[in-house]
Structures are given as C-alpha cells and as structure tokens.
Amino acid sequence: MLAELPLGQPIPCSVSADEEGLDLHGALVPHPTCSFYMRVSGHGLRSHGIHDGDLLVIDRSVEPRSGDVVIVAHRGVFLLRPLRREGEQWLLEPQRAGEGVIVLDLESFDRSGLFGVVAHAVHHLARSPSRRR
C-alpha cells in the first residue's frame, strides 16, 4: 500500500537577499523576548514527541493549559513534565514508576516554579556527521 504525502512548495535553505525565504526563527520563536532554548537530556517524554537531545523552544508568554508540556523549577532543578488539570488543581504528571504527581499553584506564578510552556521540540531524524549537540 502506498500512502500519499502532501507537500507544499519546497523553500531552499539558502536564498539570496532578493528572494523570499522561510524565517525559521520567526516561525519557531514568535515572542523572542519571552522565549528560551533548552536541550533535553533523557527519554521520559518520548510519548509526547520529545526525545533525548531535542532542542526545546520555551515560551514564557504562553498561558499554560492542561495537556501542555512545561518547564518547572522544582527543588533546585528544572523539570520537564506534562501539565494536567484536575478540578481546581494543576498537577505535573510523573514520568517514572514510583514518582508522585507534583501539585502546582498556578494562581501564584512566583510560588509555582513554572518557567514556561514548551512551544516546539526540534529533533533530528537523520544522523549527520556535522550534527553537534
């Protein structure tokens, strides 16, 4: 069975000054003054499409919603976790067996530790000798 893959018009990675090209930074980082990059270490969020070595774009201007993956400062380290709302409570889902949920107070940003919402995860599909981590 052959599946069709709908493609748009390809845009070359290098374009001259008089050609219109794709602004990758503008597409991935719509709020540059509120955005940060972080590199993932670990395999805990593969089910969410985030892999070891991925480059994350974290947007601090985005209002978090249930189902978002967020970065939270917790006990001196950054945690990357899915956010879930149950009734009036906001919870960080555990990533390993034996971990408990972490309850957040999103009404008080300063006390919650919420750093930002993961807007994009950029990961490589092909291994390239020029790829640097």
Protein backbone atom coordinates (compact mmCIF):
# COMPACT_ATOMS: atom_id res chain seq x y z
CA MET A 1 0.00 0.00 0.00
CA LEU A 2 1.38 3.38 -0.99
CA ALA A 3 0.35 6.42 1.04
CA GLU A 4 0.35 9.90 -0.42
CA LEU A 5 2.38 12.55 1.37
CA PRO A 6 1.02 16.02 0.65
CA LEU A 7 3.86 18.52 0.36
CA GLY A 8 3.93 22.25 -0.06
CA GLN A 9 6.30 24.14 -2.27
CA PRO A 10 9.84 23.50 -1.00
CA ILE A 11 11.79 26.54 0.16
CA PRO A 12 15.58 26.39 -0.23
CA CYS A 13 17.59 26.77 2.97
CA SER A 14 19.83 29.39 1.41
CA VAL A 15 18.22 32.21 -0.52
CA SER A 16 19.66 35.41 -1.87
CA ALA A 17 18.76 38.84 -0.49
CA ASP A 18 16.23 39.48 -3.26
CA GLU A 19 14.36 36.17 -2.76
CA GLU A 20 11.73 35.48 -0.14
CA GLY A 21 12.64 32.63 2.17
CA LEU A 22 11.35 30.95 5.26
CA ASP A 23 12.18 32.74 8.51
CA LEU A 24 12.66 29.68 10.72
CA HIS A 25 13.46 31.75 13.80
CA GLY A 26 10.32 33.83 13.29
CA ALA A 27 8.23 30.68 12.82
CA LEU A 28 9.53 28.95 15.95
CA VAL A 29 10.06 31.97 18.21
CA PRO A 30 7.15 34.42 17.83
CA HIS A 31 7.94 36.07 21.20
CA PRO A 32 11.76 36.39 21.29
CA THR A 33 11.91 38.46 24.47
CA CYS A 34 9.92 35.79 26.34
CA SER A 35 11.49 32.68 24.79
CA PHE A 36 14.40 30.44 25.71
CA TYR A 37 16.11 27.37 24.31
CA MET A 38 16.84 24.25 26.36
CA ARG A 39 18.30 20.91 25.33
CA VAL A 40 16.58 17.72 26.55
CA SER A 41 18.52 15.04 28.36
CA GLY A 42 16.60 11.81 28.85
CA HIS A 43 13.90 9.69 27.31
CA GLY A 44 10.96 10.31 29.68
CA LEU A 45 8.75 12.26 27.25
CA ARG A 46 9.05 10.20 24.07
CA SER A 47 5.31 9.57 24.24
CA HIS A 48 4.88 13.34 23.89
CA GLY A 49 7.20 13.56 20.86
CA ILE A 50 10.18 14.86 22.85
CA HIS A 51 13.42 12.88 22.54
CA ASP A 52 16.84 12.86 24.16
CA GLY A 53 18.92 15.65 22.59
CA ASP A 54 15.96 17.65 21.25
CA LEU A 55 16.17 21.42 21.26
CA LEU A 56 13.15 22.93 23.02
CA VAL A 57 11.73 26.39 22.48
CA ILE A 58 10.17 27.51 25.77
CA ASP A 59 7.75 30.43 25.61
CA ARG A 60 7.11 32.22 28.90
CA SER A 61 4.34 34.37 27.39
CA VAL A 62 2.04 31.40 26.73
CA GLU A 63 -0.74 30.80 29.26
CA PRO A 64 -0.37 27.15 30.35
CA ARG A 65 -3.23 24.75 29.61
CA SER A 66 -3.94 21.20 30.66
CA GLY A 67 -2.02 18.88 28.32
CA ASP A 68 0.87 21.30 27.71
CA VAL A 69 4.42 20.21 28.43
CA VAL A 70 6.03 22.72 30.78
CA ILE A 71 9.34 23.54 32.42
CA VAL A 72 9.17 23.96 36.19
CA ALA A 73 11.90 24.88 38.66
CA HIS A 74 11.44 22.37 41.49
CA ARG A 75 13.83 21.76 44.39
CA GLY A 76 16.75 23.38 42.63
CA VAL A 77 16.41 21.65 39.23
CA PHE A 78 14.36 22.17 36.09
CA LEU A 79 11.72 19.53 35.43
CA LEU A 80 10.16 18.86 32.05
CA ARG A 81 6.68 17.49 32.63
CA PRO A 82 3.18 17.33 31.16
CA LEU A 83 0.73 19.61 32.96
CA ARG A 84 -2.71 18.32 33.87
CA ARG A 85 -5.69 19.99 35.47
CA GLU A 86 -7.96 18.03 37.76
CA GLY A 87 -10.80 20.16 39.06
CA GLU A 88 -9.14 23.22 40.59
CA GLN A 89 -5.71 21.58 40.94
CA TRP A 90 -2.81 21.83 38.49
CA LEU A 91 -0.56 18.76 38.52
CA LEU A 92 2.74 17.77 36.96
CA GLU A 93 2.44 14.21 35.72
CA PRO A 94 5.07 11.73 36.93
CA GLN A 95 7.50 10.35 34.34
CA ARG A 96 8.85 7.28 36.12
CA ALA A 97 7.30 4.49 38.13
CA GLY A 98 7.21 5.39 41.78
CA GLU A 99 7.14 9.15 41.21
CA GLY A 100 4.20 11.07 42.56
CA VAL A 101 2.39 13.97 40.99
CA ILE A 102 3.55 17.47 41.92
CA VAL A 103 0.81 19.94 42.76
CA LEU A 104 1.35 23.48 41.40
CA ASP A 105 -0.20 26.75 42.47
CA LEU A 106 -0.62 28.44 39.09
CA GLU A 107 -2.54 31.29 40.70
CA SER A 108 0.79 32.42 42.14
CA PHE A 109 3.43 32.25 39.41
CA ASP A 110 6.26 33.04 41.82
CA ARG A 111 5.42 30.12 44.11
CA SER A 112 4.53 27.62 41.38
CA GLY A 113 8.04 27.47 39.89
CA LEU A 114 6.56 27.48 36.39
CA PHE A 115 9.26 28.64 33.99
CA GLY A 116 7.39 28.32 30.70
CA VAL A 117 5.48 26.24 28.19
CA VAL A 118 7.26 24.12 25.58
CA ALA A 119 6.21 25.63 22.27
CA HIS A 120 8.38 23.47 19.99
CA ALA A 121 10.65 20.44 20.14
CA VAL A 122 13.19 20.28 17.33
CA HIS A 123 14.71 16.87 16.77
CA HIS A 124 16.85 15.28 14.11
CA LEU A 125 15.53 12.40 12.06
CA ALA A 126 18.73 11.65 10.15
CA ARG A 127 22.12 11.27 11.77
CA SER A 128 24.59 13.66 10.25
CA PRO A 129 28.34 13.84 10.86
CA SER A 130 28.03 17.62 11.09
CA ARG A 131 25.39 17.44 13.84
CA ARG A 132 26.56 19.00 17.08
CA ARG A 133 24.86 18.75 20.46
